[in-house]
Amino acid sequence: MCISNMDTYNTIRIDITVPEDVVREVKRITSKRGVSQFFTEAAREKLAREKREKALKEILAAPPAFTDIKDSVTWIRKSRRLDEKRMRRLGL
């Protein structure tokens, strides 16, 4: 394992196994020195997607926040009207 400083990021050299056709395609569309950057960006995109999916699952599993609101459209319209009246009253 080799640790170096590249672009303000600490990097670690690792050995991974990747299908040959994937490596050929990546090398075809990147420069020789761009392969690591390509895989880094791909991994970061996958990590971000996994985090979003996990957060969404947690949100969907949570109990409803506003159980007393039967008709959300009516509630929002009423809330907006009250805000408009308040803004006029405050002279904003």
PDB file of N, CA and C in Angstrom:
ATOM      1  N   MET A   1       0.857  -1.171   0.000  1.00  0.00           N
ATOM      2  CA  MET A   1       0.000   0.000   0.000  1.00  0.00           C
ATOM      3  C   MET A   1       0.900   1.229   0.000  1.00  0.00           C
ATOM      4  N   CYS A   2       0.580   2.165  -0.872  1.00  0.00           N
ATOM      5  CA  CYS A   2       1.362   3.383  -1.019  1.00  0.00           C
ATOM      6  C   CYS A   2       0.449   4.569  -0.751  1.00  0.00           C
ATOM      7  N   ILE A   3       0.825   5.436   0.176  1.00  0.00           N
ATOM      8  CA  ILE A   3       0.024   6.613   0.473  1.00  0.00           C
ATOM      9  C   ILE A   3       0.770   7.831  -0.051  1.00  0.00           C
ATOM     10  N   SER A   4       0.051   8.651  -0.837  1.00  0.00           N
ATOM     11  CA  SER A   4       0.667   9.864  -1.375  1.00  0.00           C
ATOM     12  C   SER A   4      -0.343  10.989  -1.319  1.00  0.00           C
ATOM     13  N   ASN A   5       0.128  12.218  -1.539  1.00  0.00           N
ATOM     14  CA  ASN A   5      -0.756  13.370  -1.549  1.00  0.00           C
ATOM     15  C   ASN A   5      -0.916  13.838  -2.985  1.00  0.00           C
ATOM     16  N   MET A   6      -2.142  13.802  -3.511  1.00  0.00           N
ATOM     17  CA  MET A   6      -2.409  14.193  -4.888  1.00  0.00           C
ATOM     18  C   MET A   6      -3.611  15.126  -4.884  1.00  0.00           C
ATOM     19  N   ASP A   7      -3.450  16.362  -5.318  1.00  0.00           N
ATOM     20  CA  ASP A   7      -4.555  17.315  -5.401  1.00  0.00           C
ATOM     21  C   ASP A   7      -5.246  17.575  -4.065  1.00  0.00           C
ATOM     22  N   THR A   8      -4.574  17.692  -2.999  1.00  0.00           N
ATOM     23  CA  THR A   8      -5.124  17.927  -1.656  1.00  0.00           C
ATOM     24  C   THR A   8      -5.863  16.724  -1.085  1.00  0.00           C
ATOM     25  N   TYR A   9      -5.965  15.627  -1.826  1.00  0.00           N
ATOM     26  CA  TYR A   9      -6.566  14.407  -1.308  1.00  0.00           C
ATOM     27  C   TYR A   9      -5.455  13.438  -0.957  1.00  0.00           C
ATOM     28  N   ASN A  10      -5.633  12.718   0.123  1.00  0.00           N
ATOM     29  CA  ASN A  10      -4.711  11.625   0.398  1.00  0.00           C
ATOM     30  C   ASN A  10      -5.164  10.450  -0.440  1.00  0.00           C
ATOM     31  N   THR A  11      -4.256   9.857  -1.163  1.00  0.00           N
ATOM     32  CA  THR A  11      -4.612   8.736  -2.015  1.00  0.00           C
ATOM     33  C   THR A  11      -3.901   7.485  -1.534  1.00  0.00           C
ATOM     34  N   ILE A  12      -4.506   6.364  -1.828  1.00  0.00           N
ATOM     35  CA  ILE A  12      -3.940   5.066  -1.466  1.00  0.00           C
ATOM     36  C   ILE A  12      -3.945   4.203  -2.715  1.00  0.00           C
ATOM     37  N   ARG A  13      -2.848   3.585  -2.997  1.00  0.00           N
ATOM     38  CA  ARG A  13      -2.764   2.667  -4.140  1.00  0.00           C
ATOM     39  C   ARG A  13      -3.334   1.328  -3.669  1.00  0.00           C
ATOM     40  N   ILE A  14      -4.288   0.798  -4.462  1.00  0.00           N
ATOM     41  CA  ILE A  14      -4.861  -0.508  -4.157  1.00  0.00           C
ATOM     42  C   ILE A  14      -4.864  -1.356  -5.414  1.00  0.00           C
ATOM     43  N   ASP A  15      -4.968  -2.648  -5.229  1.00  0.00           N
ATOM     44  CA  ASP A  15      -5.116  -3.563  -6.347  1.00  0.00           C
ATOM     45  C   ASP A  15      -6.568  -4.021  -6.357  1.00  0.00           C
ATOM     46  N   ILE A  16      -7.233  -3.876  -7.491  1.00  0.00           N
ATOM     47  CA  ILE A  16      -8.608  -4.333  -7.626  1.00  0.00           C
ATOM     48  C   ILE A  16      -8.713  -5.216  -8.859  1.00  0.00           C
ATOM     49  N   THR A  17      -9.723  -6.025  -8.902  1.00  0.00           N
ATOM     50  CA  THR A  17      -9.970  -6.885 -10.051  1.00  0.00           C
ATOM     51  C   THR A  17     -11.173  -6.328 -10.792  1.00  0.00           C
ATOM     52  N   VAL A  18     -10.960  -6.017 -12.072  1.00  0.00           N
ATOM     53  CA  VAL A  18     -11.999  -5.421 -12.909  1.00  0.00           C
ATOM     54  C   VAL A  18     -12.066  -6.229 -14.198  1.00  0.00           C
ATOM     55  N   PRO A  19     -13.250  -6.512 -14.697  1.00  0.00           N
ATOM     56  CA  PRO A  19     -13.352  -7.241 -15.965  1.00  0.00           C
ATOM     57  C   PRO A  19     -12.565  -6.547 -17.079  1.00  0.00           C
ATOM     58  N   GLU A  20     -11.918  -7.341 -17.895  1.00  0.00           N
ATOM     59  CA  GLU A  20     -11.040  -6.828 -18.944  1.00  0.00           C
ATOM     60  C   GLU A  20     -11.767  -5.885 -19.891  1.00  0.00           C
ATOM     61  N   ASP A  21     -13.015  -6.216 -20.259  1.00  0.00           N
ATOM     62  CA  ASP A  21     -13.737  -5.364 -21.205  1.00  0.00           C
ATOM     63  C   ASP A  21     -14.016  -3.980 -20.602  1.00  0.00           C
ATOM     64  N   VAL A  22     -14.238  -3.913 -19.288  1.00  0.00           N
ATOM     65  CA  VAL A  22     -14.473  -2.629 -18.622  1.00  0.00           C
ATOM     66  C   VAL A  22     -13.201  -1.785 -18.664  1.00  0.00           C
ATOM     67  N   VAL A  23     -12.073  -2.400 -18.357  1.00  0.00           N
ATOM     68  CA  VAL A  23     -10.798  -1.680 -18.371  1.00  0.00           C
ATOM     69  C   VAL A  23     -10.491  -1.184 -19.777  1.00  0.00           C
ATOM     70  N   ARG A  24     -10.705  -2.024 -20.785  1.00  0.00           N
ATOM     71  CA  ARG A  24     -10.459  -1.609 -22.174  1.00  0.00           C
ATOM     72  C   ARG A  24     -11.301  -0.390 -22.540  1.00  0.00           C
ATOM     73  N   GLU A  25     -12.583  -0.416 -22.153  1.00  0.00           N
ATOM     74  CA  GLU A  25     -13.485   0.691 -22.481  1.00  0.00           C
ATOM     75  C   GLU A  25     -13.071   1.966 -21.755  1.00  0.00           C
ATOM     76  N   VAL A  26     -12.707   1.846 -20.486  1.00  0.00           N
ATOM     77  CA  VAL A  26     -12.270   3.025 -19.717  1.00  0.00           C
ATOM     78  C   VAL A  26     -11.004   3.602 -20.333  1.00  0.00           C
ATOM     79  N   LYS A  27     -10.056   2.757 -20.662  1.00  0.00           N
ATOM     80  CA  LYS A  27      -8.812   3.231 -21.272  1.00  0.00           C
ATOM     81  C   LYS A  27      -9.074   3.876 -22.633  1.00  0.00           C
ATOM     82  N   ARG A  28     -10.078   3.383 -23.344  1.00  0.00           N
ATOM     83  CA  ARG A  28     -10.396   3.922 -24.659  1.00  0.00           C
ATOM     84  C   ARG A  28     -10.912   5.361 -24.550  1.00  0.00           C
ATOM     85  N   ILE A  29     -11.659   5.669 -23.487  1.00  0.00           N
ATOM     86  CA  ILE A  29     -12.266   7.000 -23.379  1.00  0.00           C
ATOM     87  C   ILE A  29     -11.498   7.949 -22.472  1.00  0.00           C
ATOM     88  N   THR A  30     -10.445   7.473 -21.815  1.00  0.00           N
ATOM     89  CA  THR A  30      -9.649   8.348 -20.947  1.00  0.00           C
ATOM     90  C   THR A  30      -8.189   8.302 -21.373  1.00  0.00           C
ATOM     91  N   SER A  31      -7.441   9.236 -20.826  1.00  0.00           N
ATOM     92  CA  SER A  31      -6.001   9.178 -21.039  1.00  0.00           C
ATOM     93  C   SER A  31      -5.443   8.095 -20.121  1.00  0.00           C
ATOM     94  N   LYS A  32      -4.214   7.721 -20.353  1.00  0.00           N
ATOM     95  CA  LYS A  32      -3.597   6.680 -19.533  1.00  0.00           C
ATOM     96  C   LYS A  32      -3.616   7.079 -18.059  1.00  0.00           C
ATOM     97  N   ARG A  33      -3.370   8.348 -17.794  1.00  0.00           N
ATOM     98  CA  ARG A  33      -3.335   8.825 -16.409  1.00  0.00           C
ATOM     99  C   ARG A  33      -4.738   9.144 -15.880  1.00  0.00           C
ATOM    100  N   GLY A  34      -5.766   9.027 -16.730  1.00  0.00           N
ATOM    101  CA  GLY A  34      -7.119   9.343 -16.304  1.00  0.00           C
ATOM    102  C   GLY A  34      -7.912   8.154 -15.786  1.00  0.00           C
ATOM    103  N   VAL A  35      -7.337   6.962 -15.838  1.00  0.00           N
ATOM    104  CA  VAL A  35      -8.046   5.762 -15.422  1.00  0.00           C
ATOM    105  C   VAL A  35      -8.391   5.820 -13.926  1.00  0.00           C
ATOM    106  N   SER A  36      -7.433   6.175 -13.110  1.00  0.00           N
ATOM    107  CA  SER A  36      -7.687   6.261 -11.666  1.00  0.00           C
ATOM    108  C   SER A  36      -8.759   7.297 -11.369  1.00  0.00           C
ATOM    109  N   GLN A  37      -8.682   8.437 -12.035  1.00  0.00           N
ATOM    110  CA  GLN A  37      -9.681   9.483 -11.834  1.00  0.00           C
ATOM    111  C   GLN A  37     -11.065   8.988 -12.250  1.00  0.00           C
ATOM    112  N   PHE A  38     -11.138   8.250 -13.355  1.00  0.00           N
ATOM    113  CA  PHE A  38     -12.410   7.711 -13.820  1.00  0.00           C
ATOM    114  C   PHE A  38     -13.021   6.795 -12.762  1.00  0.00           C
ATOM    115  N   PHE A  39     -12.230   5.869 -12.242  1.00  0.00           N
ATOM    116  CA  PHE A  39     -12.748   4.935 -11.240  1.00  0.00           C
ATOM    117  C   PHE A  39     -13.081   5.646  -9.924  1.00  0.00           C
ATOM    118  N   THR A  40     -12.311   6.675  -9.581  1.00  0.00           N
ATOM    119  CA  THR A  40     -12.614   7.452  -8.379  1.00  0.00           C
ATOM    120  C   THR A  40     -13.959   8.152  -8.525  1.00  0.00           C
ATOM    121  N   GLU A  41     -14.170   8.808  -9.660  1.00  0.00           N
ATOM    122  CA  GLU A  41     -15.446   9.494  -9.894  1.00  0.00           C
ATOM    123  C   GLU A  41     -16.612   8.505  -9.915  1.00  0.00           C
ATOM    124  N   ALA A  42     -16.406   7.350 -10.538  1.00  0.00           N
ATOM    125  CA  ALA A  42     -17.461   6.335 -10.594  1.00  0.00           C
ATOM    126  C   ALA A  42     -17.806   5.845  -9.187  1.00  0.00           C
ATOM    127  N   ALA A  43     -16.788   5.623  -8.368  1.00  0.00           N
ATOM    128  CA  ALA A  43     -17.023   5.158  -6.996  1.00  0.00           C
ATOM    129  C   ALA A  43     -17.748   6.224  -6.187  1.00  0.00           C
ATOM    130  N   ARG A  44     -17.357   7.487  -6.360  1.00  0.00           N
ATOM    131  CA  ARG A  44     -18.026   8.568  -5.620  1.00  0.00           C
ATOM    132  C   ARG A  44     -19.487   8.711  -6.040  1.00  0.00           C
ATOM    133  N   GLU A  45     -19.752   8.578  -7.332  1.00  0.00           N
ATOM    134  CA  GLU A  45     -21.140   8.633  -7.807  1.00  0.00           C
ATOM    135  C   GLU A  45     -21.952   7.494  -7.198  1.00  0.00           C
ATOM    136  N   LYS A  46     -21.386   6.307  -7.162  1.00  0.00           N
ATOM    137  CA  LYS A  46     -22.081   5.147  -6.582  1.00  0.00           C
ATOM    138  C   LYS A  46     -22.310   5.361  -5.086  1.00  0.00           C
ATOM    139  N   LEU A  47     -21.309   5.871  -4.378  1.00  0.00           N
ATOM    140  CA  LEU A  47     -21.467   6.139  -2.949  1.00  0.00           C
ATOM    141  C   LEU A  47     -22.570   7.158  -2.696  1.00  0.00           C
ATOM    142  N   ALA A  48     -22.615   8.213  -3.486  1.00  0.00           N
ATOM    143  CA  ALA A  48     -23.651   9.238  -3.329  1.00  0.00           C
ATOM    144  C   ALA A  48     -25.030   8.651  -3.606  1.00  0.00           C
ATOM    145  N   ARG A  49     -25.140   7.817  -4.635  1.00  0.00           N
ATOM    146  CA  ARG A  49     -26.418   7.181  -4.954  1.00  0.00           C
ATOM    147  C   ARG A  49     -26.875   6.273  -3.814  1.00  0.00           C
ATOM    148  N   GLU A  50     -25.949   5.495  -3.262  1.00  0.00           N
ATOM    149  CA  GLU A  50     -26.279   4.607  -2.139  1.00  0.00           C
ATOM    150  C   GLU A  50     -26.765   5.413  -0.933  1.00  0.00           C
ATOM    151  N   LYS A  51     -26.100   6.544  -0.646  1.00  0.00           N
ATOM    152  CA  LYS A  51     -26.512   7.385   0.485  1.00  0.00           C
ATOM    153  C   LYS A  51     -27.906   7.960   0.257  1.00  0.00           C
ATOM    154  N   ARG A  52     -28.175   8.423  -0.977  1.00  0.00           N
ATOM    155  CA  ARG A  52     -29.510   8.969  -1.288  1.00  0.00           C
ATOM    156  C   ARG A  52     -30.590   7.903  -1.137  1.00  0.00           C
ATOM    157  N   GLU A  53     -30.310   6.699  -1.648  1.00  0.00           N
ATOM    158  CA  GLU A  53     -31.285   5.610  -1.553  1.00  0.00           C
ATOM    159  C   GLU A  53     -31.550   5.231  -0.094  1.00  0.00           C
ATOM    160  N   LYS A  54     -30.503   5.198   0.716  1.00  0.00           N
ATOM    161  CA  LYS A  54     -30.659   4.870   2.133  1.00  0.00           C
ATOM    162  C   LYS A  54     -31.496   5.944   2.834  1.00  0.00           C
ATOM    163  N   ALA A  55     -31.206   7.208   2.549  1.00  0.00           N
ATOM    164  CA  ALA A  55     -31.960   8.309   3.165  1.00  0.00           C
ATOM    165  C   ALA A  55     -33.423   8.253   2.743  1.00  0.00           C
ATOM    166  N   LEU A  56     -33.688   7.980   1.476  1.00  0.00           N
ATOM    167  CA  LEU A  56     -35.059   7.896   0.986  1.00  0.00           C
ATOM    168  C   LEU A  56     -35.811   6.759   1.671  1.00  0.00           C
ATOM    169  N   LYS A  57     -35.160   5.606   1.817  1.00  0.00           N
ATOM    170  CA  LYS A  57     -35.796   4.479   2.505  1.00  0.00           C
ATOM    171  C   LYS A  57     -36.133   4.839   3.952  1.00  0.00           C
ATOM    172  N   GLU A  58     -35.223   5.564   4.622  1.00  0.00           N
ATOM    173  CA  GLU A  58     -35.482   5.977   6.005  1.00  0.00           C
ATOM    174  C   GLU A  58     -36.659   6.951   6.074  1.00  0.00           C
ATOM    175  N   ILE A  59     -36.725   7.865   5.124  1.00  0.00           N
ATOM    176  CA  ILE A  59     -37.838   8.826   5.090  1.00  0.00           C
ATOM    177  C   ILE A  59     -39.158   8.106   4.852  1.00  0.00           C
ATOM    178  N   LEU A  60     -39.169   7.180   3.894  1.00  0.00           N
ATOM    179  CA  LEU A  60     -40.394   6.461   3.571  1.00  0.00           C
ATOM    180  C   LEU A  60     -40.848   5.553   4.707  1.00  0.00           C
ATOM    181  N   ALA A  61     -39.902   5.079   5.526  1.00  0.00           N
ATOM    182  CA  ALA A  61     -40.248   4.204   6.645  1.00  0.00           C
ATOM    183  C   ALA A  61     -40.734   4.990   7.863  1.00  0.00           C
ATOM    184  N   ALA A  62     -40.490   6.290   7.880  1.00  0.00           N
ATOM    185  CA  ALA A  62     -40.877   7.116   9.025  1.00  0.00           C
ATOM    186  C   ALA A  62     -42.393   7.288   9.065  1.00  0.00           C
ATOM    187  N   PRO A  63     -42.930   7.479  10.268  1.00  0.00           N
ATOM    188  CA  PRO A  63     -44.380   7.713  10.363  1.00  0.00           C
ATOM    189  C   PRO A  63     -44.731   9.079   9.783  1.00  0.00           C
ATOM    190  N   PRO A  64     -45.963   9.263   9.369  1.00  0.00           N
ATOM    191  CA  PRO A  64     -46.384  10.554   8.809  1.00  0.00           C
ATOM    192  C   PRO A  64     -46.152  11.675   9.812  1.00  0.00           C
ATOM    193  N   ALA A  65     -45.709  12.811   9.321  1.00  0.00           N
ATOM    194  CA  ALA A  65     -45.390  13.940  10.199  1.00  0.00           C
ATOM    195  C   ALA A  65     -46.624  14.759  10.558  1.00  0.00           C
ATOM    196  N   PHE A  66     -47.577  14.872   9.669  1.00  0.00           N
ATOM    197  CA  PHE A  66     -48.742  15.722   9.889  1.00  0.00           C
ATOM    198  C   PHE A  66     -50.017  14.873   9.816  1.00  0.00           C
ATOM    199  N   THR A  67     -50.261  14.109  10.840  1.00  0.00           N
ATOM    200  CA  THR A  67     -51.412  13.207  10.823  1.00  0.00           C
ATOM    201  C   THR A  67     -52.738  13.949  10.960  1.00  0.00           C
ATOM    202  N   ASP A  68     -52.712  15.189  11.438  1.00  0.00           N
ATOM    203  CA  ASP A  68     -53.949  15.949  11.632  1.00  0.00           C
ATOM    204  C   ASP A  68     -54.425  16.642  10.355  1.00  0.00           C
ATOM    205  N   ILE A  69     -53.618  16.660   9.306  1.00  0.00           N
ATOM    206  CA  ILE A  69     -53.983  17.323   8.050  1.00  0.00           C
ATOM    207  C   ILE A  69     -54.637  16.302   7.135  1.00  0.00           C
ATOM    208  N   LYS A  70     -55.906  16.538   6.832  1.00  0.00           N
ATOM    209  CA  LYS A  70     -56.648  15.599   5.985  1.00  0.00           C
ATOM    210  C   LYS A  70     -56.494  15.934   4.499  1.00  0.00           C
ATOM    211  N   ASP A  71     -56.453  17.230   4.168  1.00  0.00           N
ATOM    212  CA  ASP A  71     -56.366  17.677   2.782  1.00  0.00           C
ATOM    213  C   ASP A  71     -55.194  18.645   2.674  1.00  0.00           C
ATOM    214  N   SER A  72     -54.077  18.161   2.177  1.00  0.00           N
ATOM    215  CA  SER A  72     -52.855  18.970   2.144  1.00  0.00           C
ATOM    216  C   SER A  72     -52.982  20.191   1.236  1.00  0.00           C
ATOM    217  N   VAL A  73     -53.713  20.068   0.141  1.00  0.00           N
ATOM    218  CA  VAL A  73     -53.864  21.196  -0.779  1.00  0.00           C
ATOM    219  C   VAL A  73     -54.583  22.349  -0.078  1.00  0.00           C
ATOM    220  N   THR A  74     -55.677  22.042   0.602  1.00  0.00           N
ATOM    221  CA  THR A  74     -56.427  23.072   1.328  1.00  0.00           C
ATOM    222  C   THR A  74     -55.570  23.684   2.421  1.00  0.00           C
ATOM    223  N   TRP A  75     -54.835  22.853   3.138  1.00  0.00           N
ATOM    224  CA  TRP A  75     -53.987  23.330   4.234  1.00  0.00           C
ATOM    225  C   TRP A  75     -52.919  24.298   3.716  1.00  0.00           C
ATOM    226  N   ILE A  76     -52.282  23.953   2.610  1.00  0.00           N
ATOM    227  CA  ILE A  76     -51.225  24.806   2.034  1.00  0.00           C
ATOM    228  C   ILE A  76     -51.813  26.126   1.549  1.00  0.00           C
ATOM    229  N   ARG A  77     -52.953  26.072   0.864  1.00  0.00           N
ATOM    230  CA  ARG A  77     -53.577  27.316   0.379  1.00  0.00           C
ATOM    231  C   ARG A  77     -53.945  28.235   1.547  1.00  0.00           C
ATOM    232  N   LYS A  78     -54.499  27.658   2.594  1.00  0.00           N
ATOM    233  CA  LYS A  78     -54.858  28.449   3.772  1.00  0.00           C
ATOM    234  C   LYS A  78     -53.610  29.060   4.404  1.00  0.00           C
ATOM    235  N   SER A  79     -52.569  28.269   4.505  1.00  0.00           N
ATOM    236  CA  SER A  79     -51.304  28.744   5.081  1.00  0.00           C
ATOM    237  C   SER A  79     -50.733  29.906   4.259  1.00  0.00           C
ATOM    238  N   ARG A  80     -50.799  29.790   2.948  1.00  0.00           N
ATOM    239  CA  ARG A  80     -50.288  30.860   2.082  1.00  0.00           C
ATOM    240  C   ARG A  80     -51.109  32.138   2.229  1.00  0.00           C
ATOM    241  N   ARG A  81     -52.438  31.986   2.314  1.00  0.00           N
ATOM    242  CA  ARG A  81     -53.291  33.170   2.500  1.00  0.00           C
ATOM    243  C   ARG A  81     -52.957  33.860   3.813  1.00  0.00           C
ATOM    244  N   LEU A  82     -52.758  33.092   4.876  1.00  0.00           N
ATOM    245  CA  LEU A  82     -52.406  33.675   6.172  1.00  0.00           C
ATOM    246  C   LEU A  82     -51.062  34.398   6.092  1.00  0.00           C
ATOM    247  N   ASP A  83     -50.116  33.802   5.374  1.00  0.00           N
ATOM    248  CA  ASP A  83     -48.806  34.443   5.214  1.00  0.00           C
ATOM    249  C   ASP A  83     -48.933  35.755   4.448  1.00  0.00           C
ATOM    250  N   GLU A  84     -49.755  35.777   3.390  1.00  0.00           N
ATOM    251  CA  GLU A  84     -49.938  37.001   2.608  1.00  0.00           C
ATOM    252  C   GLU A  84     -50.549  38.098   3.473  1.00  0.00           C
ATOM    253  N   LYS A  85     -51.566  37.729   4.282  1.00  0.00           N
ATOM    254  CA  LYS A  85     -52.181  38.714   5.182  1.00  0.00           C
ATOM    255  C   LYS A  85     -51.156  39.230   6.182  1.00  0.00           C
ATOM    256  N   ARG A  86     -50.352  38.330   6.730  1.00  0.00           N
ATOM    257  CA  ARG A  86     -49.332  38.712   7.710  1.00  0.00           C
ATOM    258  C   ARG A  86     -48.313  39.652   7.082  1.00  0.00           C
ATOM    259  N   MET A  87     -47.875  39.348   5.867  1.00  0.00           N
ATOM    260  CA  MET A  87     -46.890  40.201   5.186  1.00  0.00           C
ATOM    261  C   MET A  87     -47.451  41.600   4.937  1.00  0.00           C
ATOM    262  N   ARG A  88     -48.711  41.670   4.498  1.00  0.00           N
ATOM    263  CA  ARG A  88     -49.329  42.988   4.288  1.00  0.00           C
ATOM    264  C   ARG A  88     -49.421  43.743   5.613  1.00  0.00           C
ATOM    265  N   ARG A  89     -49.830  43.044   6.675  1.00  0.00           N
ATOM    266  CA  ARG A  89     -49.973  43.683   7.978  1.00  0.00           C
ATOM    267  C   ARG A  89     -48.626  44.236   8.474  1.00  0.00           C
ATOM    268  N   LEU A  90     -47.551  43.504   8.170  1.00  0.00           N
ATOM    269  CA  LEU A  90     -46.205  43.933   8.581  1.00  0.00           C
ATOM    270  C   LEU A  90     -45.599  44.930   7.615  1.00  0.00           C
ATOM    271  N   GLY A  91     -46.274  45.156   6.486  1.00  0.00           N
ATOM    272  CA  GLY A  91     -45.768  46.102   5.498  1.00  0.00           C
ATOM    273  C   GLY A  91     -44.600  45.563   4.705  1.00  0.00           C
ATOM    274  N   LEU A  92     -44.548  44.246   4.575  1.00  0.00           N
ATOM    275  CA  LEU A  92     -43.441  43.612   3.829  1.00  0.00           C
ATOM    276  C   LEU A  92     -43.859  43.208   2.438  1.00  0.00           C
TER     277      LEU A  92
END
